[in-house]
Amino acid sequence: MKELVIISGKGGTGKTSLTAAFCHLAKQAVFADCDVDAADLHLILNPDIRRSETFVSGHEARIRPQDCTGCGTCRELCAFEAVAPATAPEGREIFHIDPFACEGCKVCVQFCPQQAIDFSPAECGQWYRSETRFGSMVHARLHIGAENSGKLVSLVREQARLVAQEQAANWLLVDGPPGIGCPVIASITGATAVLIVTEPTLSGQHDFERVAQLCRHFGIPAFLCVNKWDINPEQSETLSRCATENDVTVLGRIPYDPVFTTAQLQVQAVTEYAANETAKAIRQLWRQLQQQLASQPDQGKRPKGD
């Protein structure tokens, strides 16, 4: 099985649209949406959820109003200013903890004189196993303001790999998150290869270089696709030279085309909806990816010292 992760230096470059097209073109494939902070692959694949599980990670401190004496010890010790004054139903002055500001350090729990603070596991979101018209899919939804998205990404990949093994799939296609942070690292570590999608702008080049450096650090083969290349052909050429300098193979470029938006509105992948030059360019990109990955090992190298 080959695991291909599609990522970008920032959001909005078209990586999800490309991932959906690859889902349409791939045979015997399983899909994973690891952009859990802003998941949107389901908007195109329209999955039928077969299994739903709660994602629990970290802990959350909560003051029991009936046991709080209002001494203020928790507020004095909280380094994150998560404790604020409140009023009990009977009118007493007490305190409460803002769950969005709490970092779960447990100091307030340890030093509360009345032991009036609970420290329960935090429910951060849900993950799903679904079926789509193209194949099985694992995806998730992180609660608003919830953290630990890197852990949820790892869980989604783990479950997707299990599904792929059950089905003896040839491909695991992963829609990764943008940027270079923890969720991205959790998405690409151990993958067969990464496809970086970028746009021909100066900021796009900067973002591409950061992502390319991340892939090089983890020893993962990386490929480049320049989306909307024709809005700035000169910058597209610069990106190609930059990719060569960063040991990234340039695989293809896709023109600017409103068909991306039109296909999304029809809840279809671009290659499913259209047969124009843009769809042909995406099909050619997929063929080149297959050829390139035919000789790649199933997993990327781990960073030194890991």
Protein backbone atom coordinates (compact mmCIF):
# COMPACT_ATOMS: atom_id res chain seq x y z
CA MET A 1 0.00 0.00 0.00
CA LYS A 2 1.19 3.50 -0.87
CA GLU A 3 0.28 6.37 1.42
CA LEU A 4 0.18 9.74 -0.34
CA VAL A 5 -0.40 12.90 1.69
CA ILE A 6 -1.51 16.07 -0.08
CA ILE A 7 -0.47 19.21 1.81
CA SER A 8 0.13 22.92 1.27
CA GLY A 9 1.88 25.81 2.95
CA LYS A 10 -1.43 27.55 3.57
CA GLY A 11 -5.14 26.94 3.14
CA GLY A 12 -7.00 27.60 -0.09
CA THR A 13 -4.45 26.33 -2.60
CA GLY A 14 -6.73 23.60 -3.98
CA LYS A 15 -5.31 20.56 -2.20
CA THR A 16 -8.72 19.23 -1.14
CA SER A 17 -10.06 19.52 -4.69
CA LEU A 18 -7.03 17.60 -5.95
CA THR A 19 -7.42 15.00 -3.21
CA ALA A 20 -11.07 14.49 -4.19
CA ALA A 21 -10.04 14.06 -7.84
CA PHE A 22 -7.43 11.46 -6.85
CA CYS A 23 -10.11 9.66 -4.82
CA HIS A 24 -12.17 9.50 -8.00
CA LEU A 25 -9.27 8.25 -10.11
CA ALA A 26 -7.66 5.78 -7.70
CA LYS A 27 -8.52 2.10 -7.66
CA GLN A 28 -8.74 0.11 -4.41
CA ALA A 29 -8.12 3.16 -2.25
CA VAL A 30 -9.03 4.35 1.23
CA PHE A 31 -9.27 8.05 2.06
CA ALA A 32 -8.50 10.10 5.16
CA ASP A 33 -9.21 13.76 5.89
CA CYS A 34 -6.51 14.84 8.34
CA ASP A 35 -7.32 18.55 8.13
CA VAL A 36 -9.35 18.09 11.31
CA ASP A 37 -9.29 21.78 12.30
CA ALA A 38 -11.19 22.66 9.11
CA ALA A 39 -12.25 19.40 7.49
CA ASP A 40 -13.94 19.79 4.10
CA LEU A 41 -13.22 16.69 2.01
CA HIS A 42 -16.63 15.38 3.09
CA LEU A 43 -18.27 18.28 1.24
CA ILE A 44 -17.24 16.65 -2.05
CA LEU A 45 -17.25 12.96 -1.16
CA ASN A 46 -20.58 13.17 0.72
CA PRO A 47 -19.78 10.25 3.07
CA ASP A 48 -22.34 7.94 4.63
CA ILE A 49 -21.24 7.64 8.27
CA ARG A 50 -21.15 4.04 9.45
CA ARG A 51 -19.31 4.51 12.75
CA SER A 52 -18.94 7.52 15.06
CA GLU A 53 -16.62 7.70 18.08
CA THR A 54 -15.85 10.43 20.62
CA PHE A 55 -12.31 11.80 20.66
CA VAL A 56 -11.12 12.37 24.23
CA SER A 57 -7.75 14.00 24.91
CA GLY A 58 -6.35 15.93 27.85
CA HIS A 59 -8.30 17.06 30.90
CA GLU A 60 -10.48 19.97 31.86
CA ALA A 61 -10.71 21.55 35.30
CA ARG A 62 -14.18 22.45 36.57
CA ILE A 63 -15.11 24.04 39.88
CA ARG A 64 -18.14 22.58 41.68
CA PRO A 65 -20.17 25.68 42.68
CA GLN A 66 -21.73 23.99 45.69
CA ASP A 67 -18.29 23.21 47.18
CA CYS A 68 -16.44 26.42 46.26
CA THR A 69 -15.89 28.76 49.26
CA GLY A 70 -14.61 31.65 47.13
CA CYS A 71 -11.16 31.69 48.74
CA GLY A 72 -9.49 32.60 45.42
CA THR A 73 -6.51 30.25 45.74
CA CYS A 74 -7.14 28.85 42.28
CA ARG A 75 -7.19 32.32 40.75
CA GLU A 76 -3.96 33.32 42.46
CA LEU A 77 -2.12 30.20 41.23
CA CYS A 78 -3.47 30.03 37.67
CA ALA A 79 -0.71 31.12 35.27
CA PHE A 80 -3.14 31.24 32.34
CA GLU A 81 -5.73 33.62 33.83
CA ALA A 82 -8.37 30.99 33.27
CA VAL A 83 -10.11 31.55 36.64
CA ALA A 84 -12.67 34.34 36.95
CA PRO A 85 -15.17 35.48 39.61
CA ALA A 86 -18.70 34.10 39.49
CA THR A 87 -21.85 34.12 41.57
CA ALA A 88 -23.44 31.03 43.08
CA PRO A 89 -27.23 30.54 42.77
CA GLU A 90 -27.67 31.64 46.38
CA GLY A 91 -25.66 34.82 45.79
CA ARG A 92 -22.27 33.80 47.19
CA GLU A 93 -19.08 34.92 45.44
CA ILE A 94 -17.30 31.94 43.94
CA PHE A 95 -15.06 31.25 40.96
CA HIS A 96 -15.37 29.43 37.65
CA ILE A 97 -12.83 28.23 35.07
CA ASP A 98 -12.94 29.29 31.43
CA PRO A 99 -12.53 26.01 29.47
CA PHE A 100 -11.06 27.87 26.48
CA ALA A 101 -8.30 29.43 28.60
CA CYS A 102 -7.57 26.40 30.80
CA GLU A 103 -4.41 24.51 29.80
CA GLY A 104 -5.10 21.54 32.06
CA CYS A 105 -1.99 22.02 34.21
CA LYS A 106 -3.88 20.76 37.33
CA VAL A 107 -2.36 23.33 39.72
CA CYS A 108 -5.77 24.53 40.85
CA VAL A 109 -6.89 20.95 41.45
CA GLN A 110 -3.84 20.15 43.58
CA PHE A 111 -3.99 23.27 45.76
CA CYS A 112 -7.72 23.86 46.23
CA PRO A 113 -8.23 23.80 50.07
CA GLN A 114 -11.73 22.36 49.67
CA GLN A 115 -10.86 19.89 46.88
CA ALA A 116 -13.75 21.48 44.99
CA ILE A 117 -12.30 21.14 41.48
CA ASP A 118 -12.93 18.17 39.21
CA PHE A 119 -10.36 17.18 36.58
CA SER A 120 -12.24 15.15 34.00
CA PRO A 121 -11.12 13.91 30.57
CA ALA A 122 -11.92 16.48 27.90
CA GLU A 123 -14.12 15.61 24.93
CA CYS A 124 -12.45 17.34 21.99
CA GLY A 125 -14.38 16.08 18.97
CA GLN A 126 -15.54 13.03 17.01
CA TRP A 127 -14.03 10.79 14.41
CA TYR A 128 -15.94 8.79 11.81
CA ARG A 129 -15.60 5.79 9.58
CA SER A 130 -17.71 6.26 6.46
CA GLU A 131 -18.41 4.96 2.98
CA THR A 132 -18.36 7.14 -0.14
CA ARG A 133 -19.13 6.51 -3.81
CA PHE A 134 -15.37 6.05 -4.33
CA GLY A 135 -14.50 3.94 -1.29
CA SER A 136 -14.06 3.96 2.48
CA MET A 137 -13.15 7.15 4.31
CA VAL A 138 -11.99 8.08 7.81
CA HIS A 139 -12.50 11.67 8.92
CA ALA A 140 -13.08 13.75 12.03
CA ARG A 141 -14.44 16.95 13.47
CA LEU A 142 -12.66 18.90 16.18
CA HIS A 143 -14.82 20.93 18.55
CA ILE A 144 -14.64 24.71 18.25
CA GLY A 145 -11.63 25.96 20.20
CA ALA A 146 -10.51 22.42 21.07
CA GLU A 147 -6.84 21.51 21.03
CA ASN A 148 -4.81 18.32 20.49
CA SER A 149 -5.55 18.26 16.75
CA GLY A 150 -2.20 16.51 16.21
CA LYS A 151 -3.40 13.58 18.31
CA LEU A 152 -6.67 13.46 16.42
CA VAL A 153 -4.77 13.45 13.11
CA SER A 154 -2.72 10.48 14.33
CA LEU A 155 -5.91 8.68 15.33
CA VAL A 156 -7.51 9.30 11.92
CA ARG A 157 -4.42 7.98 10.11
CA GLU A 158 -4.23 4.95 12.38
CA GLN A 159 -7.88 4.06 11.74
CA ALA A 160 -7.53 4.70 8.00
CA ARG A 161 -4.54 2.36 7.85
CA LEU A 162 -6.54 -0.34 9.62
CA VAL A 163 -9.34 0.03 7.08
CA ALA A 164 -6.82 -0.08 4.23
CA GLN A 165 -5.28 -3.27 5.63
CA GLU A 166 -8.71 -4.88 6.03
CA GLN A 167 -9.52 -4.13 2.40
CA ALA A 168 -6.04 -4.87 1.04
CA ALA A 169 -6.11 -1.41 -0.53
CA ASN A 170 -3.45 -0.23 -2.95
CA TRP A 171 -3.67 3.40 -1.84
CA LEU A 172 -4.23 5.48 1.25
CA LEU A 173 -4.94 9.04 0.12
CA VAL A 174 -4.68 11.67 2.84
CA ASP A 175 -5.95 15.23 2.66
CA GLY A 176 -3.48 16.88 5.01
CA PRO A 177 -3.69 20.18 6.91
CA PRO A 178 -1.92 23.34 5.74
CA GLY A 179 1.21 24.82 7.29
CA ILE A 180 4.13 23.14 9.07
CA GLY A 181 2.78 22.67 12.60
CA CYS A 182 1.98 19.63 14.73
CA PRO A 183 -1.04 18.48 12.65
CA VAL A 184 1.09 18.49 9.49
CA ILE A 185 3.89 16.54 11.16
CA ALA A 186 1.33 14.02 12.41
CA SER A 187 -0.03 13.72 8.86
CA ILE A 188 3.21 13.10 6.96
CA THR A 189 5.43 11.10 9.32
CA GLY A 190 5.92 7.62 7.89
CA ALA A 191 4.07 8.36 4.63
CA THR A 192 5.28 7.03 1.29
CA ALA A 193 5.35 10.48 -0.28
CA VAL A 194 3.95 14.00 -0.08
CA LEU A 195 2.41 16.14 -2.81
CA ILE A 196 2.78 19.85 -2.10
CA VAL A 197 0.18 22.08 -3.76
CA THR A 198 1.06 25.75 -4.08
CA GLU A 199 0.18 28.88 -6.02
CA PRO A 200 2.51 31.09 -8.12
CA THR A 201 2.89 33.99 -5.69
CA LEU A 202 5.75 35.22 -3.51
CA SER A 203 3.92 34.12 -0.37
CA GLY A 204 3.21 30.78 -2.04
CA GLN A 205 6.92 30.32 -2.70
CA HIS A 206 7.75 31.14 0.91
CA ASP A 207 5.17 28.67 2.18
CA PHE A 208 6.40 26.01 -0.24
CA GLU A 209 9.99 26.36 0.95
CA ARG A 210 8.95 25.86 4.57
CA VAL A 211 6.94 22.74 3.75
CA ALA A 212 9.76 21.38 1.55
CA GLN A 213 12.22 21.79 4.42
CA LEU A 214 9.85 19.93 6.72
CA CYS A 215 9.60 17.00 4.28
CA ARG A 216 13.36 16.93 3.88
CA HIS A 217 13.80 16.84 7.66
CA PHE A 218 11.59 13.76 7.89
CA GLY A 219 13.18 12.14 4.84
CA ILE A 220 9.90 11.93 2.91
CA PRO A 221 9.95 12.18 -0.90
CA ALA A 222 8.11 15.33 -1.98
CA PHE A 223 6.52 16.37 -5.25
CA LEU A 224 5.21 19.75 -6.37
CA CYS A 225 2.04 20.75 -8.18
CA VAL A 226 1.60 24.43 -9.10
CA ASN A 227 -2.09 25.30 -9.13
CA LYS A 228 -3.33 28.32 -11.12
CA TRP A 229 0.06 28.44 -12.80
CA ASP A 230 -1.15 30.68 -15.62
CA ILE A 231 -2.04 33.63 -13.40
CA ASN A 232 1.70 34.24 -13.05
CA PRO A 233 3.80 32.13 -15.46
CA GLU A 234 7.05 33.81 -14.45
CA GLN A 235 6.53 33.02 -10.78
CA SER A 236 5.55 29.46 -11.75
CA GLU A 237 8.97 29.04 -13.37
CA THR A 238 10.61 30.44 -10.26
CA LEU A 239 8.73 27.90 -8.17
CA SER A 240 9.97 25.09 -10.41
CA ARG A 241 13.59 26.21 -9.95
CA CYS A 242 13.01 26.55 -6.20
CA ALA A 243 11.65 23.00 -6.10
CA THR A 244 14.76 21.64 -7.81
CA GLU A 245 16.95 23.46 -5.29
CA ASN A 246 14.97 21.85 -2.46
CA ASP A 247 15.12 18.30 -3.90
CA VAL A 248 11.41 18.37 -4.74
CA THR A 249 10.27 16.81 -8.02
CA VAL A 250 8.00 19.04 -10.12
CA LEU A 251 5.20 16.79 -11.34
CA GLY A 252 2.64 19.10 -12.88
CA ARG A 253 0.84 22.38 -13.10
CA ILE A 254 -2.86 23.14 -13.32
CA PRO A 255 -4.41 26.23 -14.92
CA TYR A 256 -6.80 28.58 -13.23
CA ASP A 257 -10.30 27.31 -13.91
CA PRO A 258 -13.71 28.15 -12.34
CA VAL A 259 -14.61 24.49 -12.88
CA PHE A 260 -13.17 23.79 -9.41
CA THR A 261 -15.91 25.88 -7.82
CA THR A 262 -18.60 24.60 -10.17
CA ALA A 263 -17.72 20.98 -9.38
CA GLN A 264 -17.82 21.69 -5.65
CA LEU A 265 -21.29 23.18 -5.98
CA GLN A 266 -22.35 19.97 -7.72
CA VAL A 267 -20.75 17.89 -4.91
CA GLN A 268 -18.39 16.28 -7.41
CA ALA A 269 -14.67 15.96 -7.99
CA VAL A 270 -13.28 17.99 -10.89
CA THR A 271 -12.40 14.86 -12.89
CA GLU A 272 -15.85 13.47 -12.17
CA TYR A 273 -17.66 16.61 -13.29
CA ALA A 274 -15.60 17.79 -16.27
CA ALA A 275 -13.53 16.44 -19.16
CA ASN A 276 -11.79 19.69 -20.10
CA GLU A 277 -8.09 20.56 -20.18
CA THR A 278 -7.98 21.11 -16.43
CA ALA A 279 -9.40 17.65 -15.75
CA LYS A 280 -6.90 16.19 -18.23
CA ALA A 281 -4.04 17.93 -16.40
CA ILE A 282 -5.19 16.40 -13.10
CA ARG A 283 -5.45 12.95 -14.68
CA GLN A 284 -1.92 13.35 -16.06
CA LEU A 285 -0.70 14.41 -12.62
CA TRP A 286 -2.23 11.28 -11.09
CA ARG A 287 -0.56 9.05 -13.71
CA GLN A 288 2.79 10.66 -12.99
CA LEU A 289 2.32 10.16 -9.26
CA GLN A 290 1.60 6.48 -9.81
CA GLN A 291 4.73 6.10 -11.91
CA GLN A 292 6.90 7.94 -9.40
CA LEU A 293 5.60 6.01 -6.39
CA ALA A 294 5.84 2.61 -8.06
CA SER A 295 9.49 2.49 -7.04
CA GLN A 296 9.10 4.14 -3.62
CA PRO A 297 9.12 2.14 -0.34
CA ASP A 298 5.83 1.90 1.51
CA GLN A 299 6.89 4.26 4.30
CA GLY A 300 9.12 7.29 4.52
CA LYS A 301 12.18 7.40 6.70
CA ARG A 302 11.94 8.58 10.23
CA PRO A 303 13.99 11.60 11.32
CA LYS A 304 17.39 10.91 12.80
CA GLY A 305 17.33 10.30 16.51
CA ASP A 306 13.64 9.34 16.56
